[in-house]
Amino acid sequence: MTTGQWIILDHAVTLLSVAAWFAAGVTAALARAQAALGLLEAAVLVSLARIATVAILAGRGWWFVQEKVLLGLPMLAAGGLAAVLIAGPTLREARRTPNNGLPARSVVALLSAAYAAAAGFVVTLLIGFPPRGAPR
């Protein structure tokens, strides 16, 4: 694959990551623990795929990944880790013992990870690429 195709794939994986984190947060807010847990697992897997695409792009040159490595991925990692540690056990427990809702901290943690993923994508679009010309 060319570098341009890897960049497009990275953007697609990033948007999929944002969608998965938001879906997990919204599903948790609707108190659907089983579905939210599945979406949390999917969001983690897609986030790991994002790390892989960034690593491949890093092999093509620092210019392609600098904002991702220095800002986007650390925000996603911090938000995702917090979401897994806060919401994961709560969702597992709620799956076994259904109740009227989930704690707000679980929903907030999942949505915070979603906003971190979205912020990483916005940063890439705003400062990641100069307006003209890229090294080939």
Protein backbone atom coordinates (compact mmCIF):
# COMPACT_ATOMS: atom_id res chain seq x y z
CA MET A 1 0.00 0.00 0.00
CA THR A 2 1.11 3.53 -0.62
CA THR A 3 1.55 6.06 2.16
CA GLY A 4 -1.57 7.88 0.99
CA GLN A 5 -3.61 4.71 1.29
CA TRP A 6 -2.24 4.11 4.80
CA ILE A 7 -3.22 7.66 5.76
CA ILE A 8 -6.75 7.08 4.49
CA LEU A 9 -6.91 3.77 6.36
CA ASP A 10 -5.70 5.50 9.53
CA HIS A 11 -8.43 8.13 9.16
CA ALA A 12 -11.05 5.41 8.68
CA VAL A 13 -9.83 3.49 11.73
CA THR A 14 -9.82 6.71 13.74
CA LEU A 15 -13.41 7.50 12.80
CA LEU A 16 -14.41 3.92 13.57
CA SER A 17 -12.75 4.29 16.97
CA VAL A 18 -14.67 7.50 17.67
CA ALA A 19 -17.93 5.82 16.65
CA ALA A 20 -17.25 2.75 18.80
CA TRP A 21 -16.43 4.79 21.92
CA PHE A 22 -19.50 7.01 21.44
CA ALA A 23 -21.70 3.95 20.83
CA ALA A 24 -20.42 2.34 24.03
CA GLY A 25 -21.13 5.52 26.00
CA VAL A 26 -24.62 6.00 24.61
CA THR A 27 -25.48 2.35 25.09
CA ALA A 28 -24.29 2.52 28.69
CA ALA A 29 -26.39 5.65 29.21
CA LEU A 30 -29.40 3.64 28.00
CA ALA A 31 -28.52 1.01 30.67
CA ARG A 32 -27.90 -1.80 28.19
CA ALA A 33 -24.94 -3.37 29.93
CA GLN A 34 -24.51 -6.40 27.65
CA ALA A 35 -24.39 -4.31 24.47
CA ALA A 36 -22.26 -1.61 26.12
CA LEU A 37 -19.71 -4.20 27.22
CA GLY A 38 -19.50 -5.59 23.69
CA LEU A 39 -19.07 -2.09 22.27
CA LEU A 40 -16.40 -1.32 24.88
CA GLU A 41 -14.48 -4.39 23.74
CA ALA A 42 -14.89 -3.36 20.10
CA ALA A 43 -13.69 0.17 20.90
CA VAL A 44 -10.57 -1.20 22.58
CA LEU A 45 -9.81 -3.44 19.59
CA VAL A 46 -10.29 -0.61 17.11
CA SER A 47 -8.08 1.64 19.25
CA LEU A 48 -5.37 -1.02 19.16
CA ALA A 49 -5.76 -1.14 15.37
CA ARG A 50 -5.20 2.62 15.37
CA ILE A 51 -1.92 2.12 17.16
CA ALA A 52 -0.94 -0.37 14.46
CA THR A 53 -1.75 2.01 11.60
CA VAL A 54 0.22 4.79 13.28
CA ALA A 55 3.18 2.45 13.75
CA ILE A 56 3.11 1.55 10.06
CA LEU A 57 2.90 5.22 9.10
CA ALA A 58 5.82 5.96 11.43
CA GLY A 59 7.89 3.63 9.29
CA ARG A 60 7.09 5.91 6.35
CA GLY A 61 8.36 9.00 8.16
CA TRP A 62 7.94 11.10 11.27
CA TRP A 63 6.16 13.77 9.26
CA PHE A 64 3.12 11.49 8.92
CA VAL A 65 2.69 10.69 12.60
CA GLN A 66 4.10 13.46 14.75
CA GLU A 67 0.74 14.86 16.00
CA LYS A 68 -0.64 11.34 16.40
CA VAL A 69 2.27 10.11 18.51
CA LEU A 70 2.66 13.25 20.60
CA LEU A 71 -0.99 14.15 21.21
CA GLY A 72 -3.64 11.93 19.60
CA LEU A 73 -2.60 8.50 20.83
CA PRO A 74 -1.69 9.59 24.39
CA MET A 75 -5.13 11.21 24.77
CA LEU A 76 -6.82 8.11 23.41
CA ALA A 77 -4.72 5.81 25.61
CA ALA A 78 -5.45 7.80 28.77
CA GLY A 79 -9.16 8.10 28.02
CA GLY A 80 -9.48 4.49 26.90
CA LEU A 81 -7.59 3.12 29.90
CA ALA A 82 -9.72 5.16 32.29
CA ALA A 83 -12.88 3.97 30.55
CA VAL A 84 -11.80 0.33 30.74
CA LEU A 85 -10.85 0.61 34.41
CA ILE A 86 -13.95 2.57 35.44
CA ALA A 87 -16.69 1.25 33.18
CA GLY A 88 -15.45 -2.27 32.50
CA PRO A 89 -16.06 -3.78 35.94
CA THR A 90 -19.35 -1.90 36.29
CA LEU A 91 -20.62 -3.19 32.95
CA ARG A 92 -19.57 -6.76 33.79
CA GLU A 93 -21.39 -6.60 37.12
CA ALA A 94 -24.49 -4.99 35.60
CA ARG A 95 -24.60 -7.71 32.98
CA ARG A 96 -24.92 -10.35 35.70
CA THR A 97 -27.32 -8.42 37.91
CA PRO A 98 -29.55 -6.16 35.84
CA ASN A 99 -30.74 -3.04 37.58
CA ASN A 100 -32.37 0.24 36.69
CA GLY A 101 -29.26 1.94 35.41
CA LEU A 102 -25.52 2.27 35.42
CA PRO A 103 -23.48 4.71 37.48
CA ALA A 104 -22.93 8.03 35.77
CA ARG A 105 -19.17 7.68 36.17
CA SER A 106 -19.20 4.74 33.74
CA VAL A 107 -21.06 6.72 31.10
CA VAL A 108 -18.82 9.75 31.62
CA ALA A 109 -15.68 7.60 31.33
CA LEU A 110 -16.84 6.06 28.05
CA LEU A 111 -17.88 9.38 26.57
CA SER A 112 -14.59 10.96 27.70
CA ALA A 113 -12.70 8.29 25.76
CA ALA A 114 -14.90 9.08 22.75
CA TYR A 115 -14.12 12.79 23.00
CA ALA A 116 -10.40 12.01 23.33
CA ALA A 117 -10.55 9.90 20.16
CA ALA A 118 -12.43 12.67 18.35
CA ALA A 119 -9.97 15.31 19.55
CA GLY A 120 -7.08 13.27 18.18
CA PHE A 121 -8.74 13.19 14.78
CA VAL A 122 -9.48 16.93 14.82
CA VAL A 123 -5.88 17.69 15.78
CA THR A 124 -4.69 15.60 12.85
CA LEU A 125 -6.88 17.54 10.46
CA LEU A 126 -6.06 20.97 11.88
CA ILE A 127 -2.32 20.75 12.48
CA GLY A 128 -1.24 17.41 11.05
CA PHE A 129 -0.90 18.36 7.44
CA PRO A 130 0.45 21.58 5.97
CA PRO A 131 -1.74 23.33 3.42
CA ARG A 132 0.59 22.61 0.50
CA GLY A 133 2.99 19.91 -0.50
CA ALA A 134 4.09 16.84 1.38
CA PRO A 135 7.34 14.95 1.13
CA ARG A 136 7.00 11.82 -0.99
